[in-house]
């Protein structure tokens, strides 16, 4: 059987590791327990989390035991990694709600059932009950402040100010690894590459405190061929929650990736065999669109299920083929009474949540970025009346790729 470490490297997941040969041997000769932590910073996972969940799934399918660690404790502080300012503090109730959302969404990609052997943990179970003096006596003595300050997650914050509150984060995450080692024999921590400093701190802590080997490995961040982080649209992040990013919008995001990014996305975000991935990624011209359709369908199927993926695919084909529109296209219901005297185009765009402000609406219209029923709108004072509706439906097009239906009720 192929070593799962080689599979992850071949698919482009692996970015850094503490001990390459030891990790490869560990993953090849025995079934190990590994973990990834997810801080509940929102009420939905996003595309950035998706890469880590896919890696987790590959490892689980190879027989290794995953620990899904919810950051109910670390979420009280907030990870300073990649931040230029301090995260907004959340109440315990919001954090718990977000934790529940994360776990529910992850179950589509990882088998977290009781019979699977997988473990769901929450670091609030040990972090919130710590005695501060005992903690810094047992754990804090193993951390060098000078070394911590060289970590990227802290260096980026030194100019604008790093609170002692956030400075504790690395120690807390390292302690998580130690606690999971003690409870479950966990020897491997995984995470995004922005977590490298925190991960090696945890592996080092286990070696110092328990005199046992522990390892860390990070995954590549999902970026475009130009190095820009993927998972963002004009309206914000691409979420895994269908209420925040509809299956149709989700499908369209992957259908519209750049040609140069198709192979990378197929290898990281689907289970399609790499031989086929390379063939699809090598397509050129109009043929690459078929590879994008496969990418969009497979990713949407993993996140939202095959039925929603099929609906999104059919809606996209109907939309661009000028056929009957499917029900998966994002839509807004508008009371017929509001159209009695008409509604100005900018108010309609705001109501449909297609623009963040009226100023953005004016700019978009003036640049030719808005069309109603395929007719470009150039006058910012245009009033939309019942005459614009066909069978009580109106189609707004923003830019080249964003479509939104408005339905009369």
Protein backbone atom coordinates (compact mmCIF):
# COMPACT_ATOMS: atom_id res chain seq x y z
CA UNK A 1 0.00 0.00 0.00
CA UNK A 2 1.24 3.48 -0.87
CA UNK A 3 2.46 5.55 2.08
CA UNK A 4 -0.09 8.31 2.79
CA UNK A 5 2.79 10.74 3.34
CA UNK A 6 3.79 10.24 -0.30
CA UNK A 7 0.15 10.66 -1.37
CA UNK A 8 -0.12 13.99 0.45
CA UNK A 9 3.18 15.22 -1.02
CA UNK A 10 2.18 14.14 -4.52
CA UNK A 11 -1.13 15.99 -4.25
CA UNK A 12 0.66 19.16 -3.10
CA UNK A 13 -0.52 19.29 0.52
CA UNK A 14 2.79 19.20 2.37
CA UNK A 15 4.61 22.48 2.95
CA UNK A 16 6.85 21.98 6.00
CA UNK A 17 7.59 19.20 8.48
CA UNK A 18 9.67 18.81 11.61
CA UNK A 19 11.25 15.46 10.68
CA UNK A 20 10.51 14.21 7.16
CA UNK A 21 11.96 10.70 7.38
CA UNK A 22 10.52 10.00 10.82
CA UNK A 23 7.03 11.23 9.84
CA UNK A 24 7.05 9.19 6.65
CA UNK A 25 8.13 6.07 8.56
CA UNK A 26 5.54 6.71 11.28
CA UNK A 27 2.70 7.07 8.78
CA UNK A 28 3.82 4.01 6.86
CA UNK A 29 4.41 1.39 9.52
CA UNK A 30 1.65 2.00 12.08
CA UNK A 31 -1.71 3.65 12.62
CA UNK A 32 -1.18 6.88 14.50
CA UNK A 33 -3.31 9.51 16.18
CA UNK A 34 -3.05 13.03 14.75
CA UNK A 35 -4.91 16.28 15.28
CA UNK A 36 -5.85 19.56 13.69
CA UNK A 37 -7.22 22.46 15.70
CA UNK A 38 -9.95 24.80 14.48
CA UNK A 39 -10.56 28.06 16.32
CA UNK A 40 -14.26 29.01 16.05
CA UNK A 41 -13.74 32.54 14.74
CA UNK A 42 -17.03 32.49 12.78
CA UNK A 43 -20.20 30.42 12.57
CA UNK A 44 -18.98 28.62 9.45
CA UNK A 45 -15.86 26.98 8.11
CA UNK A 46 -14.43 28.52 4.93
CA UNK A 47 -12.35 27.39 1.97
CA UNK A 48 -9.11 27.73 3.94
CA UNK A 49 -10.34 25.11 6.42
CA UNK A 50 -11.41 22.88 3.54
CA UNK A 51 -7.82 22.05 2.55
CA UNK A 52 -7.07 20.86 6.08
CA UNK A 53 -10.26 18.81 6.25
CA UNK A 54 -9.34 17.13 2.96
CA UNK A 55 -5.90 16.20 4.29
CA UNK A 56 -7.55 14.91 7.45
CA UNK A 57 -9.87 12.78 5.32
CA UNK A 58 -6.97 11.32 3.31
CA UNK A 59 -5.22 10.30 6.54
CA UNK A 60 -8.38 8.81 8.01
CA UNK A 61 -9.01 6.79 4.84
CA UNK A 62 -5.45 5.44 5.22
CA UNK A 63 -6.37 4.12 8.68
CA UNK A 64 -5.02 6.87 10.94
CA UNK A 65 -7.11 8.26 13.80
CA UNK A 66 -8.07 11.95 13.60
CA UNK A 67 -8.75 14.27 16.50
CA UNK A 68 -10.94 17.21 15.55
CA UNK A 69 -9.96 19.80 18.15
CA UNK A 70 -12.36 22.68 18.53
CA UNK A 71 -10.74 25.77 19.99
CA UNK A 72 -13.32 26.66 22.60
CA UNK A 73 -10.49 27.74 24.90
CA UNK A 74 -7.99 29.27 22.47
CA UNK A 75 -10.94 31.02 20.80
CA UNK A 76 -11.26 33.07 23.97
CA UNK A 77 -7.89 34.62 23.11
CA UNK A 78 -7.58 34.51 19.32
CA UNK A 79 -4.61 33.52 17.20
CA UNK A 80 -2.39 36.51 16.30
CA UNK A 81 -0.98 34.61 13.28
CA UNK A 82 -1.39 36.61 10.09
CA UNK A 83 -3.15 39.44 11.91
CA UNK A 84 -2.26 43.12 11.93
CA UNK A 85 -4.65 43.82 14.82
CA UNK A 86 -6.21 41.97 17.73
CA UNK A 87 -9.19 39.75 17.01
CA UNK A 88 -12.55 40.82 18.36
CA UNK A 89 -13.29 38.94 21.56
CA UNK A 90 -16.39 36.73 21.52
CA UNK A 91 -18.69 35.66 24.32
CA UNK A 92 -18.59 32.02 25.52
CA UNK A 93 -22.07 31.52 24.05
CA UNK A 94 -21.01 32.67 20.58
CA UNK A 95 -17.87 30.53 20.73
CA UNK A 96 -19.88 27.43 21.63
CA UNK A 97 -22.37 28.11 18.84
CA UNK A 98 -19.51 28.42 16.36
CA UNK A 99 -17.93 25.21 17.66
CA UNK A 100 -21.18 23.34 17.04
CA UNK A 101 -21.39 24.74 13.49
CA UNK A 102 -17.80 23.67 12.73
CA UNK A 103 -18.39 20.12 13.91
CA UNK A 104 -21.63 19.73 11.95
CA UNK A 105 -20.02 20.96 8.72
CA UNK A 106 -16.93 18.77 9.16
CA UNK A 107 -19.01 15.61 9.28
CA UNK A 108 -19.45 15.75 5.50
CA UNK A 109 -15.71 15.29 5.00
CA UNK A 110 -14.57 13.31 8.04
CA UNK A 111 -16.22 10.32 9.65
CA UNK A 112 -16.77 11.57 13.18
CA UNK A 113 -19.27 8.86 14.14
CA UNK A 114 -18.84 6.88 17.35
CA UNK A 115 -17.76 3.75 15.49
CA UNK A 116 -15.13 5.53 13.39
CA UNK A 117 -12.54 5.83 16.14
CA UNK A 118 -12.28 9.57 15.44
CA UNK A 119 -12.21 11.91 18.42
CA UNK A 120 -13.96 15.24 18.85
CA UNK A 121 -12.36 17.37 21.55
CA UNK A 122 -12.63 20.93 22.78
CA UNK A 123 -9.61 22.58 24.39
CA UNK A 124 -11.97 24.50 26.65
CA UNK A 125 -12.16 21.21 28.60
CA UNK A 126 -8.66 21.79 29.98
CA UNK A 127 -7.67 25.40 29.25
CA UNK A 128 -10.54 27.11 31.07
CA UNK A 129 -9.85 25.29 34.33
CA UNK A 130 -6.10 25.89 34.47
CA UNK A 131 -4.53 27.46 37.55
CA UNK A 132 -2.41 30.28 36.19
CA UNK A 133 0.49 30.00 38.63
CA UNK A 134 0.66 26.21 38.32
CA UNK A 135 0.47 26.50 34.53
CA UNK A 136 3.35 28.94 34.11
CA UNK A 137 5.45 26.95 36.61
CA UNK A 138 4.93 23.68 34.73
CA UNK A 139 4.71 24.91 31.14
CA UNK A 140 5.95 28.51 30.94
CA UNK A 141 9.48 27.59 32.06
CA UNK A 142 9.99 25.68 28.78
CA UNK A 143 9.46 28.74 26.56
CA UNK A 144 12.11 31.28 25.66
CA UNK A 145 10.68 34.76 25.15
CA UNK A 146 13.58 35.62 22.84
CA UNK A 147 12.80 32.63 20.65
CA UNK A 148 9.05 33.30 20.66
CA UNK A 149 9.62 36.84 19.43
CA UNK A 150 11.35 35.50 16.31
CA UNK A 151 8.18 33.62 15.29
CA UNK A 152 6.38 35.06 12.25
CA UNK A 153 3.06 35.17 14.08
CA UNK A 154 4.55 37.64 16.59
CA UNK A 155 7.02 39.52 14.39
CA UNK A 156 4.18 40.80 12.20
CA UNK A 157 2.55 42.39 15.22
CA UNK A 158 5.52 43.98 16.95
CA UNK A 159 5.27 47.33 15.14
CA UNK A 160 1.58 47.90 15.90
CA UNK A 161 1.69 46.30 19.31
CA UNK A 162 1.21 42.79 20.64
CA UNK A 163 -0.73 42.38 23.87
CA UNK A 164 0.42 39.96 26.54
CA UNK A 165 -3.06 38.48 26.22
CA UNK A 166 -2.28 37.30 22.66
CA UNK A 167 1.33 36.47 23.52
CA UNK A 168 -0.04 33.54 25.53
CA UNK A 169 -1.60 31.94 22.44
CA UNK A 170 1.45 29.97 21.34
CA UNK A 171 1.88 28.50 24.82
CA UNK A 172 -1.80 27.52 24.93
CA UNK A 173 -1.68 25.78 21.56
CA UNK A 174 1.53 23.99 22.51
CA UNK A 175 -0.17 22.85 25.70
CA UNK A 176 -3.05 21.47 23.61
CA UNK A 177 -0.59 19.16 21.84
CA UNK A 178 0.84 18.02 25.19
CA UNK A 179 -2.63 17.40 26.59
CA UNK A 180 -3.69 15.36 23.53
CA UNK A 181 -0.47 13.36 23.75
CA UNK A 182 -1.20 12.56 27.40
CA UNK A 183 -4.87 11.72 26.80
CA UNK A 184 -4.76 9.92 23.45
CA UNK A 185 -1.13 9.26 22.56
CA UNK A 186 -1.30 11.89 19.80
CA UNK A 187 2.13 12.36 18.22
CA UNK A 188 1.40 14.44 15.12
CA UNK A 189 -0.09 17.91 14.78
CA UNK A 190 -1.16 19.22 11.38
CA UNK A 191 -2.29 22.65 10.24
CA UNK A 192 -2.02 25.43 7.72
CA UNK A 193 1.43 26.83 7.05
CA UNK A 194 0.61 29.95 9.05
CA UNK A 195 0.58 27.67 12.12
CA UNK A 196 4.19 26.52 11.75
CA UNK A 197 5.57 28.40 14.77
CA UNK A 198 2.75 27.18 17.02
CA UNK A 199 3.10 23.58 15.83
CA UNK A 200 6.84 23.28 16.40
CA UNK A 201 6.35 24.85 19.85
CA UNK A 202 3.97 22.00 20.76
CA UNK A 203 6.22 19.24 19.42
CA UNK A 204 9.17 20.73 21.32
CA UNK A 205 7.13 20.97 24.53
CA UNK A 206 6.29 17.24 24.43
CA UNK A 207 9.94 16.38 23.91
CA UNK A 208 10.97 18.57 26.86
CA UNK A 209 8.23 17.55 29.31
CA UNK A 210 7.63 13.90 28.40
CA UNK A 211 10.97 13.03 26.75
CA UNK A 212 8.96 11.51 23.89
CA UNK A 213 9.11 12.21 20.15
CA UNK A 214 6.36 14.35 18.61
CA UNK A 215 6.04 15.76 15.13
CA UNK A 216 4.45 18.54 13.15
CA UNK A 217 3.54 19.07 9.53
CA UNK A 218 1.94 22.01 7.74
CA UNK A 219 -0.09 22.20 4.57
CA UNK A 220 0.19 24.67 1.75
CA UNK A 221 -2.22 27.58 1.89
CA UNK A 222 -4.67 27.67 -0.99
CA UNK A 223 -3.37 30.39 -3.30
CA UNK A 224 -3.67 31.26 -6.97
CA UNK A 225 -0.79 30.88 -9.43
CA UNK A 226 0.00 34.55 -8.66
CA UNK A 227 0.30 33.77 -4.94
CA UNK A 228 -2.98 35.44 -3.95
CA UNK A 229 -4.98 33.68 -1.24
CA UNK A 230 -8.01 31.90 -2.68
CA UNK A 231 -11.46 31.78 -1.11
CA UNK A 232 -12.39 35.44 -1.37
CA UNK A 233 -14.99 37.09 -3.59
CA UNK A 234 -16.19 40.67 -3.94
CA UNK A 235 -18.89 39.91 -1.41
CA UNK A 236 -16.53 38.27 1.09
CA UNK A 237 -15.27 34.81 2.03
CA UNK A 238 -16.37 31.59 0.34
CA UNK A 239 -18.07 29.74 3.21
CA UNK A 240 -19.02 26.09 3.56
CA UNK A 241 -22.38 27.03 5.11
CA UNK A 242 -25.01 27.12 2.32
CA UNK A 243 -26.78 29.99 4.10
CA UNK A 244 -23.67 32.16 3.76
CA UNK A 245 -22.48 30.98 0.34
CA UNK A 246 -25.19 29.22 -1.66
CA UNK A 247 -24.33 25.95 -3.44
CA UNK A 248 -24.73 27.77 -6.77
CA UNK A 249 -22.32 30.55 -5.75
CA UNK A 250 -19.95 27.91 -4.38
CA UNK A 251 -20.11 25.97 -7.65
CA UNK A 252 -19.58 29.11 -9.71
CA UNK A 253 -16.52 30.10 -7.67
CA UNK A 254 -14.72 26.89 -8.64
CA UNK A 255 -16.10 26.94 -12.20
CA UNK A 256 -14.45 30.32 -12.67
CA UNK A 257 -10.94 29.67 -11.29
CA UNK A 258 -8.04 30.63 -13.54
CA UNK A 259 -6.81 28.02 -16.01
CA UNK A 260 -3.45 27.87 -14.22
CA UNK A 261 -5.13 26.95 -10.90
CA UNK A 262 -7.27 24.03 -12.10
CA UNK A 263 -4.74 21.24 -11.49
CA UNK A 264 -3.82 22.53 -8.03
CA UNK A 265 -7.46 22.78 -6.97
CA UNK A 266 -8.29 19.33 -8.34
CA UNK A 267 -5.40 17.75 -6.46
CA UNK A 268 -6.09 19.49 -3.14
CA UNK A 269 -9.87 19.65 -3.10
CA UNK A 270 -11.04 16.41 -4.72
CA UNK A 271 -10.28 12.70 -4.45
CA UNK A 272 -9.83 12.29 -8.20
CA UNK A 273 -6.71 10.11 -8.88
CA UNK A 274 -3.63 12.15 -9.71
CA UNK A 275 -3.18 10.59 -13.17
CA UNK A 276 -6.58 11.97 -14.14
CA UNK A 277 -5.91 15.27 -12.34
CA UNK A 278 -2.77 15.83 -14.43
CA UNK A 279 -4.62 15.04 -17.65
CA UNK A 280 -7.39 17.49 -16.78
CA UNK A 281 -4.90 20.15 -15.70
CA UNK A 282 -3.03 19.84 -19.00
CA UNK A 283 -6.08 20.69 -21.11
CA UNK A 284 -5.92 23.98 -22.97
CA UNK A 285 -8.21 26.47 -24.64
CA UNK A 286 -11.91 25.70 -24.52
CA UNK A 287 -11.23 22.16 -23.29
CA UNK A 288 -10.04 23.40 -19.88
CA UNK A 289 -13.63 24.49 -19.20
CA UNK A 290 -14.61 20.83 -18.93
CA UNK A 291 -11.95 20.38 -16.25
CA UNK A 292 -13.37 23.38 -14.40
CA UNK A 293 -16.87 21.90 -14.53
CA UNK A 294 -15.55 18.65 -13.05
CA UNK A 295 -13.72 20.61 -10.34
CA UNK A 296 -16.81 22.66 -9.47
CA UNK A 297 -19.08 19.61 -9.36
CA UNK A 298 -16.72 17.46 -7.26
CA UNK A 299 -15.97 20.17 -4.70
CA UNK A 300 -19.63 21.16 -4.40
CA UNK A 301 -20.60 17.49 -4.01
CA UNK A 302 -18.14 17.04 -1.14
CA UNK A 303 -19.35 20.12 0.72
CA UNK A 304 -23.08 20.21 -0.09
CA UNK A 305 -23.91 16.71 -1.34
CA UNK A 306 -24.50 15.30 -4.81
CA UNK A 307 -28.07 16.57 -5.11
CA UNK A 308 -27.09 20.20 -4.52
CA UNK A 309 -24.08 19.83 -6.81
CA UNK A 310 -26.34 18.55 -9.59
CA UNK A 311 -28.78 21.42 -9.06
CA UNK A 312 -25.95 23.96 -9.19
CA UNK A 313 -24.52 22.38 -12.34
CA UNK A 314 -27.90 22.37 -14.06
CA UNK A 315 -28.62 25.94 -13.02
CA UNK A 316 -25.26 27.08 -14.40
CA UNK A 317 -25.80 25.31 -17.71
CA UNK A 318 -29.33 26.70 -18.01
CA UNK A 319 -28.17 30.19 -17.14
CA UNK A 320 -25.34 30.32 -19.64
CA UNK A 321 -27.27 28.34 -22.21
CA UNK A 322 -30.20 30.76 -21.96
CA UNK A 323 -32.54 27.91 -21.03
CA UNK A 324 -35.05 27.69 -18.20
CA UNK A 325 -33.45 28.83 -14.98
CA UNK A 326 -32.93 26.36 -12.16
CA UNK A 327 -33.76 26.94 -8.53
CA UNK A 328 -30.16 27.04 -7.25
CA UNK A 329 -29.35 30.57 -8.41
CA UNK A 330 -29.19 33.02 -5.46
CA UNK A 331 -32.42 34.98 -5.19
CA UNK A 332 -34.19 37.67 -3.22
CA UNK A 333 -37.96 37.84 -2.66
CA UNK A 334 -39.43 41.31 -3.10
CA UNK A 335 -43.00 42.24 -2.12
CA UNK A 336 -44.98 43.29 -5.18
CA UNK A 337 -46.22 46.32 -3.25
CA UNK A 338 -42.69 47.78 -3.20
CA UNK A 339 -42.79 47.98 -6.99
CA UNK A 340 -46.04 49.97 -7.10
CA UNK A 341 -44.11 53.18 -7.74
CA UNK A 342 -40.85 51.51 -8.75
CA UNK A 343 -37.54 51.13 -6.95
CA UNK A 344 -34.26 52.76 -7.96
CA UNK A 345 -31.56 50.45 -9.25
CA UNK A 346 -29.09 51.16 -6.43
CA UNK A 347 -31.68 50.39 -3.74
CA UNK A 348 -32.44 47.12 -5.55
CA UNK A 349 -28.74 46.18 -5.56
CA UNK A 350 -28.49 46.95 -1.83
CA UNK A 351 -31.66 44.93 -1.10
CA UNK A 352 -30.23 41.95 -3.00
CA UNK A 353 -26.99 42.34 -1.00
CA UNK A 354 -24.98 42.63 -4.20
CA UNK A 355 -23.19 45.78 -3.06
CA UNK A 356 -21.96 46.91 0.36
CA UNK A 357 -22.91 50.59 -0.11
CA UNK A 358 -24.73 52.99 -2.42
CA UNK A 359 -21.41 54.54 -3.37
CA UNK A 360 -20.17 51.17 -4.59
CA UNK A 361 -23.42 50.81 -6.57
CA UNK A 362 -22.91 54.12 -8.34
CA UNK A 363 -19.34 53.22 -9.22
CA UNK A 364 -20.36 49.78 -10.49
CA UNK A 365 -23.12 51.15 -12.74
CA UNK A 366 -20.94 53.93 -14.13
CA UNK A 367 -18.29 51.35 -15.06
CA UNK A 368 -20.85 49.23 -16.90
CA UNK A 369 -20.88 46.44 -14.34
CA UNK A 370 -24.65 45.97 -13.91
CA UNK A 371 -27.21 44.46 -16.29
CA UNK A 372 -30.91 43.72 -15.83
CA UNK A 373 -32.23 40.86 -17.97
CA UNK A 374 -29.04 41.10 -20.06
CA UNK A 375 -29.59 44.84 -20.70
CA UNK A 376 -26.72 46.93 -19.37
CA UNK A 377 -27.73 49.70 -16.96
CA UNK A 378 -25.75 52.91 -17.43
CA UNK A 379 -27.96 55.46 -15.63
CA UNK A 380 -27.61 55.46 -11.82
CA UNK A 381 -31.12 56.95 -11.59
CA UNK A 382 -32.80 54.04 -13.40
CA UNK A 383 -36.08 53.05 -11.74
CA UNK A 384 -37.03 49.37 -11.80
CA UNK A 385 -40.77 48.81 -12.28
CA UNK A 386 -43.04 45.80 -12.74
CA UNK A 387 -42.41 46.08 -16.48
CA UNK A 388 -38.88 44.70 -15.95
CA UNK A 389 -40.24 41.44 -14.55
CA UNK A 390 -40.98 38.40 -16.69
CA UNK A 391 -43.19 35.84 -15.00
CA UNK A 392 -42.54 37.70 -11.73
CA UNK A 393 -38.77 37.19 -12.07
CA UNK A 394 -35.94 39.58 -12.88
CA UNK A 395 -32.26 38.66 -13.40
CA UNK A 396 -29.46 40.93 -12.22
CA UNK A 397 -25.95 40.42 -13.55
CA UNK A 398 -23.07 42.02 -11.64
CA UNK A 399 -19.74 42.01 -13.43
CA UNK A 400 -19.13 39.02 -15.67
CA UNK A 401 -19.90 36.14 -13.35
CA UNK A 402 -22.34 37.08 -10.57
CA UNK A 403 -26.04 36.39 -11.19
CA UNK A 404 -28.94 37.05 -8.84
CA UNK A 405 -32.68 36.58 -9.29
CA UNK A 406 -35.30 38.88 -7.83
CA UNK A 407 -38.73 37.28 -7.41
CA UNK A 408 -42.01 39.05 -6.73
CA UNK A 409 -44.05 37.70 -3.84
